[in-house]
PDB file of N, CA and C in Angstrom:
ATOM      1  N   MET A   1     111.407 121.544 120.593  1.00  0.00           N
ATOM      2  CA  MET A   1     110.358 120.863 119.858  1.00  0.00           C
ATOM      3  C   MET A   1     110.927 120.343 118.547  1.00  0.00           C
ATOM      4  N   PHE A   2     110.497 119.168 118.159  1.00  0.00           N
ATOM      5  CA  PHE A   2     110.978 118.570 116.928  1.00  0.00           C
ATOM      6  C   PHE A   2     110.171 119.108 115.750  1.00  0.00           C
ATOM      7  N   GLY A   3     110.809 119.169 114.589  1.00  0.00           N
ATOM      8  CA  GLY A   3     110.110 119.592 113.388  1.00  0.00           C
ATOM      9  C   GLY A   3     109.153 118.507 112.914  1.00  0.00           C
ATOM     10  N   ARG A   4     108.185 118.889 112.149  1.00  0.00           N
ATOM     11  CA  ARG A   4     107.220 117.923 111.621  1.00  0.00           C
ATOM     12  C   ARG A   4     107.748 117.343 110.326  1.00  0.00           C
ATOM     13  N   SER A   5     107.554 116.060 110.146  1.00  0.00           N
ATOM     14  CA  SER A   5     107.940 115.436 108.890  1.00  0.00           C
ATOM     15  C   SER A   5     106.845 115.699 107.858  1.00  0.00           C
ATOM     16  N   ALA A   6     107.107 115.342 106.621  1.00  0.00           N
ATOM     17  CA  ALA A   6     106.126 115.546 105.559  1.00  0.00           C
ATOM     18  C   ALA A   6     104.841 114.778 105.840  1.00  0.00           C
ATOM     19  N   VAL A   7     104.939 113.665 106.566  1.00  0.00           N
ATOM     20  CA  VAL A   7     103.765 112.862 106.891  1.00  0.00           C
ATOM     21  C   VAL A   7     102.877 113.572 107.901  1.00  0.00           C
ATOM     22  N   ASP A   8     103.479 114.396 108.755  1.00  0.00           N
ATOM     23  CA  ASP A   8     102.735 115.055 109.826  1.00  0.00           C
ATOM     24  C   ASP A   8     102.006 116.318 109.392  1.00  0.00           C
ATOM     25  N   VAL A   9     102.194 116.758 108.176  1.00  0.00           N
ATOM     26  CA  VAL A   9     101.594 118.005 107.724  1.00  0.00           C
ATOM     27  C   VAL A   9     100.179 117.733 107.216  1.00  0.00           C
ATOM     28  N   PRO A  10      99.170 118.373 107.822  1.00  0.00           N
ATOM     29  CA  PRO A  10      97.793 118.154 107.364  1.00  0.00           C
ATOM     30  C   PRO A  10      97.602 118.640 105.924  1.00  0.00           C
ATOM     31  N   VAL A  11      96.781 117.914 105.172  1.00  0.00           N
ATOM     32  CA  VAL A  11      96.432 118.305 103.810  1.00  0.00           C
ATOM     33  C   VAL A  11      94.937 118.596 103.801  1.00  0.00           C
ATOM     34  N   GLU A  12      94.603 119.849 103.594  1.00  0.00           N
ATOM     35  CA  GLU A  12      93.207 120.291 103.612  1.00  0.00           C
ATOM     36  C   GLU A  12      92.499 119.850 104.888  1.00  0.00           C
ATOM     37  N   GLY A  13      93.216 119.944 106.015  1.00  0.00           N
ATOM     38  CA  GLY A  13      92.650 119.598 107.311  1.00  0.00           C
ATOM     39  C   GLY A  13      92.626 118.109 107.621  1.00  0.00           C
ATOM     40  N   TYR A  14      93.115 117.290 106.710  1.00  0.00           N
ATOM     41  CA  TYR A  14      93.104 115.833 106.875  1.00  0.00           C
ATOM     42  C   TYR A  14      94.477 115.389 107.355  1.00  0.00           C
ATOM     43  N   GLU A  15      94.537 114.728 108.515  1.00  0.00           N
ATOM     44  CA  GLU A  15      95.802 114.277 109.086  1.00  0.00           C
ATOM     45  C   GLU A  15      95.923 112.760 108.978  1.00  0.00           C
ATOM     46  N   TYR A  16      97.156 112.263 109.107  1.00  0.00           N
ATOM     47  CA  TYR A  16      97.369 110.824 108.975  1.00  0.00           C
ATOM     48  C   TYR A  16      96.619 110.041 110.044  1.00  0.00           C
ATOM     49  N   THR A  17      96.405 110.620 111.206  1.00  0.00           N
ATOM     50  CA  THR A  17      95.653 109.923 112.249  1.00  0.00           C
ATOM     51  C   THR A  17      94.186 109.735 111.847  1.00  0.00           C
ATOM     52  N   ASP A  18      93.678 110.611 110.978  1.00  0.00           N
ATOM     53  CA  ASP A  18      92.314 110.447 110.472  1.00  0.00           C
ATOM     54  C   ASP A  18      92.193 109.152 109.672  1.00  0.00           C
ATOM     55  N   LEU A  19      93.233 108.813 108.933  1.00  0.00           N
ATOM     56  CA  LEU A  19      93.247 107.567 108.164  1.00  0.00           C
ATOM     57  C   LEU A  19      93.154 106.367 109.098  1.00  0.00           C
ATOM     58  N   TYR A  20      93.934 106.386 110.184  1.00  0.00           N
ATOM     59  CA  TYR A  20      93.898 105.276 111.139  1.00  0.00           C
ATOM     60  C   TYR A  20      92.520 105.135 111.758  1.00  0.00           C
ATOM     61  N   GLU A  21      91.883 106.242 112.055  1.00  0.00           N
ATOM     62  CA  GLU A  21      90.538 106.213 112.628  1.00  0.00           C
ATOM     63  C   GLU A  21      89.542 105.607 111.636  1.00  0.00           C
ATOM     64  N   GLU A  22      89.654 105.984 110.381  1.00  0.00           N
ATOM     65  CA  GLU A  22      88.762 105.440 109.356  1.00  0.00           C
ATOM     66  C   GLU A  22      88.969 103.936 109.176  1.00  0.00           C
ATOM     67  N   LEU A  23      90.232 103.503 109.168  1.00  0.00           N
ATOM     68  CA  LEU A  23      90.517 102.072 109.051  1.00  0.00           C
ATOM     69  C   LEU A  23      89.950 101.293 110.226  1.00  0.00           C
ATOM     70  N   HIS A  24      90.112 101.848 111.417  1.00  0.00           N
ATOM     71  CA  HIS A  24      89.591 101.205 112.621  1.00  0.00           C
ATOM     72  C   HIS A  24      88.070 101.031 112.534  1.00  0.00           C
ATOM     73  N   LYS A  25      87.387 102.055 112.101  1.00  0.00           N
ATOM     74  CA  LYS A  25      85.925 101.993 112.003  1.00  0.00           C
ATOM     75  C   LYS A  25      85.475 101.049 110.895  1.00  0.00           C
ATOM     76  N   GLU A  26      86.144 101.088 109.744  1.00  0.00           N
ATOM     77  CA  GLU A  26      85.722 100.267 108.610  1.00  0.00           C
ATOM     78  C   GLU A  26      86.046  98.789 108.796  1.00  0.00           C
ATOM     79  N   LEU A  27      87.255  98.503 109.276  1.00  0.00           N
ATOM     80  CA  LEU A  27      87.681  97.111 109.395  1.00  0.00           C
ATOM     81  C   LEU A  27      87.316  96.480 110.729  1.00  0.00           C
ATOM     82  N   ARG A  28      86.995  97.315 111.713  1.00  0.00           N
ATOM     83  CA  ARG A  28      86.637  96.847 113.056  1.00  0.00           C
ATOM     84  C   ARG A  28      87.750  96.012 113.681  1.00  0.00           C
ATOM     85  N   ILE A  29      88.973  96.504 113.514  1.00  0.00           N
ATOM     86  CA  ILE A  29      90.145  95.880 114.136  1.00  0.00           C
ATOM     87  C   ILE A  29      90.932  96.960 114.858  1.00  0.00           C
ATOM     88  N   PRO A  30      91.695  96.590 115.875  1.00  0.00           N
ATOM     89  CA  PRO A  30      92.534  97.581 116.548  1.00  0.00           C
ATOM     90  C   PRO A  30      93.629  98.080 115.607  1.00  0.00           C
ATOM     91  N   VAL A  31      93.909  99.358 115.688  1.00  0.00           N
ATOM     92  CA  VAL A  31      94.997  99.967 114.919  1.00  0.00           C
ATOM     93  C   VAL A  31      95.868 100.728 115.900  1.00  0.00           C
ATOM     94  N   PHE A  32      97.140 100.382 115.957  1.00  0.00           N
ATOM     95  CA  PHE A  32      98.045 101.161 116.792  1.00  0.00           C
ATOM     96  C   PHE A  32      99.185 101.651 115.926  1.00  0.00           C
ATOM     97  N   TYR A  33      99.717 102.825 116.293  1.00  0.00           N
ATOM     98  CA  TYR A  33     100.721 103.475 115.463  1.00  0.00           C
ATOM     99  C   TYR A  33     101.725 104.201 116.346  1.00  0.00           C
ATOM    100  N   ASP A  34     102.753 104.718 115.717  1.00  0.00           N
ATOM    101  CA  ASP A  34     103.815 105.434 116.410  1.00  0.00           C
ATOM    102  C   ASP A  34     104.511 104.509 117.408  1.00  0.00           C
ATOM    103  N   ILE A  35     104.823 103.294 116.954  1.00  0.00           N
ATOM    104  CA  ILE A  35     105.481 102.321 117.806  1.00  0.00           C
ATOM    105  C   ILE A  35     106.960 102.248 117.456  1.00  0.00           C
ATOM    106  N   ASP A  36     107.750 101.802 118.400  1.00  0.00           N
ATOM    107  CA  ASP A  36     109.178 101.643 118.180  1.00  0.00           C
ATOM    108  C   ASP A  36     109.439 100.288 117.534  1.00  0.00           C
ATOM    109  N   CYS A  37     109.477 100.268 116.220  1.00  0.00           N
ATOM    110  CA  CYS A  37     109.857  99.062 115.495  1.00  0.00           C
ATOM    111  C   CYS A  37     110.649  99.501 114.274  1.00  0.00           C
ATOM    112  N   GLY A  38     111.513  98.652 113.831  1.00  0.00           N
ATOM    113  CA  GLY A  38     112.327  99.003 112.672  1.00  0.00           C
ATOM    114  C   GLY A  38     113.779  98.664 112.910  1.00  0.00           C
ATOM    115  N   HIS A  39     114.667  99.484 112.358  1.00  0.00           N
ATOM    116  CA  HIS A  39     116.095  99.181 112.371  1.00  0.00           C
ATOM    117  C   HIS A  39     116.909 100.060 113.311  1.00  0.00           C
ATOM    118  N   VAL A  40     116.273 100.986 114.005  1.00  0.00           N
ATOM    119  CA  VAL A  40     117.001 101.911 114.861  1.00  0.00           C
ATOM    120  C   VAL A  40     116.487 101.769 116.297  1.00  0.00           C
ATOM    121  N   PRO A  41     117.379 101.572 117.282  1.00  0.00           N
ATOM    122  CA  PRO A  41     116.938 101.446 118.676  1.00  0.00           C
ATOM    123  C   PRO A  41     116.224 102.711 119.152  1.00  0.00           C
ATOM    124  N   PRO A  42     115.273 102.580 120.051  1.00  0.00           N
ATOM    125  CA  PRO A  42     114.738 101.337 120.602  1.00  0.00           C
ATOM    126  C   PRO A  42     113.720 100.754 119.627  1.00  0.00           C
ATOM    127  N   GLN A  43     113.772  99.482 119.400  1.00  0.00           N
ATOM    128  CA  GLN A  43     112.822  98.883 118.479  1.00  0.00           C
ATOM    129  C   GLN A  43     112.346  97.528 118.964  1.00  0.00           C
ATOM    130  N   MET A  44     111.149  97.164 118.537  1.00  0.00           N
ATOM    131  CA  MET A  44     110.636  95.818 118.733  1.00  0.00           C
ATOM    132  C   MET A  44     110.793  95.111 117.390  1.00  0.00           C
ATOM    133  N   THR A  45     111.147  93.871 117.420  1.00  0.00           N
ATOM    134  CA  THR A  45     111.241  93.087 116.200  1.00  0.00           C
ATOM    135  C   THR A  45     109.906  92.414 115.964  1.00  0.00           C
ATOM    136  N   LEU A  46     109.292  92.692 114.836  1.00  0.00           N
ATOM    137  CA  LEU A  46     108.046  92.047 114.462  1.00  0.00           C
ATOM    138  C   LEU A  46     108.387  90.964 113.444  1.00  0.00           C
ATOM    139  N   ILE A  47     108.183  89.719 113.821  1.00  0.00           N
ATOM    140  CA  ILE A  47     108.601  88.589 112.999  1.00  0.00           C
ATOM    141  C   ILE A  47     107.505  88.238 112.006  1.00  0.00           C
ATOM    142  N   ASN A  48     107.868  88.244 110.726  1.00  0.00           N
ATOM    143  CA  ASN A  48     106.926  87.923 109.667  1.00  0.00           C
ATOM    144  C   ASN A  48     106.443  86.481 109.814  1.00  0.00           C
ATOM    145  N   GLY A  49     105.137  86.300 109.873  1.00  0.00           N
ATOM    146  CA  GLY A  49     104.558  84.974 109.982  1.00  0.00           C
ATOM    147  C   GLY A  49     104.230  84.548 111.400  1.00  0.00           C
ATOM    148  N   ALA A  50     104.679  85.290 112.394  1.00  0.00           N
ATOM    149  CA  ALA A  50     104.372  84.946 113.785  1.00  0.00           C
ATOM    150  C   ALA A  50     103.017  85.525 114.174  1.00  0.00           C
ATOM    151  N   TYR A  51     102.338  84.841 115.084  1.00  0.00           N
ATOM    152  CA  TYR A  51     101.129  85.391 115.675  1.00  0.00           C
ATOM    153  C   TYR A  51     101.555  86.316 116.798  1.00  0.00           C
ATOM    154  N   ALA A  52     100.905  87.457 116.912  1.00  0.00           N
ATOM    155  CA  ALA A  52     101.317  88.431 117.915  1.00  0.00           C
ATOM    156  C   ALA A  52     100.143  88.831 118.796  1.00  0.00           C
ATOM    157  N   GLU A  53     100.466  89.078 120.037  1.00  0.00           N
ATOM    158  CA  GLU A  53      99.511  89.621 121.003  1.00  0.00           C
ATOM    159  C   GLU A  53     100.140  90.883 121.571  1.00  0.00           C
ATOM    160  N   VAL A  54      99.423  91.983 121.480  1.00  0.00           N
ATOM    161  CA  VAL A  54      99.926  93.265 121.972  1.00  0.00           C
ATOM    162  C   VAL A  54      99.005  93.735 123.080  1.00  0.00           C
ATOM    163  N   GLN A  55      99.589  94.066 124.217  1.00  0.00           N
ATOM    164  CA  GLN A  55      98.827  94.635 125.324  1.00  0.00           C
ATOM    165  C   GLN A  55      99.307  96.068 125.507  1.00  0.00           C
ATOM    166  N   ILE A  56      98.394  97.010 125.317  1.00  0.00           N
ATOM    167  CA  ILE A  56      98.737  98.428 125.428  1.00  0.00           C
ATOM    168  C   ILE A  56      98.172  98.955 126.738  1.00  0.00           C
ATOM    169  N   GLN A  57      99.046  99.539 127.560  1.00  0.00           N
ATOM    170  CA  GLN A  57      98.631 100.106 128.830  1.00  0.00           C
ATOM    171  C   GLN A  57      98.200 101.564 128.628  1.00  0.00           C
ATOM    172  N   GLN A  58      97.482 102.067 129.601  1.00  0.00           N
ATOM    173  CA  GLN A  58      96.951 103.426 129.570  1.00  0.00           C
ATOM    174  C   GLN A  58      98.042 104.478 129.386  1.00  0.00           C
ATOM    175  N   GLU A  59      99.204 104.275 129.990  1.00  0.00           N
ATOM    176  CA  GLU A  59     100.270 105.283 129.934  1.00  0.00           C
ATOM    177  C   GLU A  59     101.059 105.248 128.633  1.00  0.00           C
ATOM    178  N   GLY A  60     100.654 104.399 127.690  1.00  0.00           N
ATOM    179  CA  GLY A  60     101.295 104.377 126.385  1.00  0.00           C
ATOM    180  C   GLY A  60     102.375 103.328 126.218  1.00  0.00           C
ATOM    181  N   THR A  61     102.650 102.545 127.253  1.00  0.00           N
ATOM    182  CA  THR A  61     103.621 101.466 127.110  1.00  0.00           C
ATOM    183  C   THR A  61     102.890 100.223 126.599  1.00  0.00           C
ATOM    184  N   ALA A  62     103.668  99.273 126.094  1.00  0.00           N
ATOM    185  CA  ALA A  62     103.044  98.074 125.546  1.00  0.00           C
ATOM    186  C   ALA A  62     103.917  96.870 125.779  1.00  0.00           C
ATOM    187  N   MET A  63     103.276  95.706 125.731  1.00  0.00           N
ATOM    188  CA  MET A  63     103.985  94.434 125.807  1.00  0.00           C
ATOM    189  C   MET A  63     103.634  93.653 124.548  1.00  0.00           C
ATOM    190  N   LEU A  64     104.658  93.100 123.897  1.00  0.00           N
ATOM    191  CA  LEU A  64     104.473  92.334 122.671  1.00  0.00           C
ATOM    192  C   LEU A  64     104.872  90.892 122.928  1.00  0.00           C
ATOM    193  N   LYS A  65     103.975  89.960 122.597  1.00  0.00           N
ATOM    194  CA  LYS A  65     104.259  88.536 122.720  1.00  0.00           C
ATOM    195  C   LYS A  65     104.024  87.916 121.342  1.00  0.00           C
ATOM    196  N   GLN A  66     105.052  87.257 120.801  1.00  0.00           N
ATOM    197  CA  GLN A  66     104.938  86.621 119.494  1.00  0.00           C
ATOM    198  C   GLN A  66     105.096  85.118 119.637  1.00  0.00           C
ATOM    199  N   THR A  67     104.307  84.368 118.866  1.00  0.00           N
ATOM    200  CA  THR A  67     104.302  82.914 118.951  1.00  0.00           C
ATOM    201  C   THR A  67     104.321  82.323 117.549  1.00  0.00           C
ATOM    202  N   PHE A  68     105.111  81.267 117.383  1.00  0.00           N
ATOM    203  CA  PHE A  68     105.090  80.508 116.139  1.00  0.00           C
ATOM    204  C   PHE A  68     104.189  79.308 116.346  1.00  0.00           C
ATOM    205  N   LEU A  69     103.242  79.121 115.445  1.00  0.00           N
ATOM    206  CA  LEU A  69     102.345  77.978 115.516  1.00  0.00           C
ATOM    207  C   LEU A  69     102.525  77.134 114.266  1.00  0.00           C
ATOM    208  N   PRO A  70     102.457  75.809 114.417  1.00  0.00           N
ATOM    209  CA  PRO A  70     102.614  74.941 113.246  1.00  0.00           C
ATOM    210  C   PRO A  70     101.449  75.063 112.290  1.00  0.00           C
TER     211      PRO A  70
END
């Protein structure tokens, strides 16, 4: 089992996933987290300024499609 990072430690019973749930309810937009993006493989490249469509399957896999529009 992997150790928990400082982000994963609940503070007074409040976990980081609670924040995502609150954002989802308040903003009424999809929120997804714990994705492979960044500088270390495996990663998806998220291009700044591109429009993105993300399809998340039930088993936790996803497909990312990015488009540049004029």
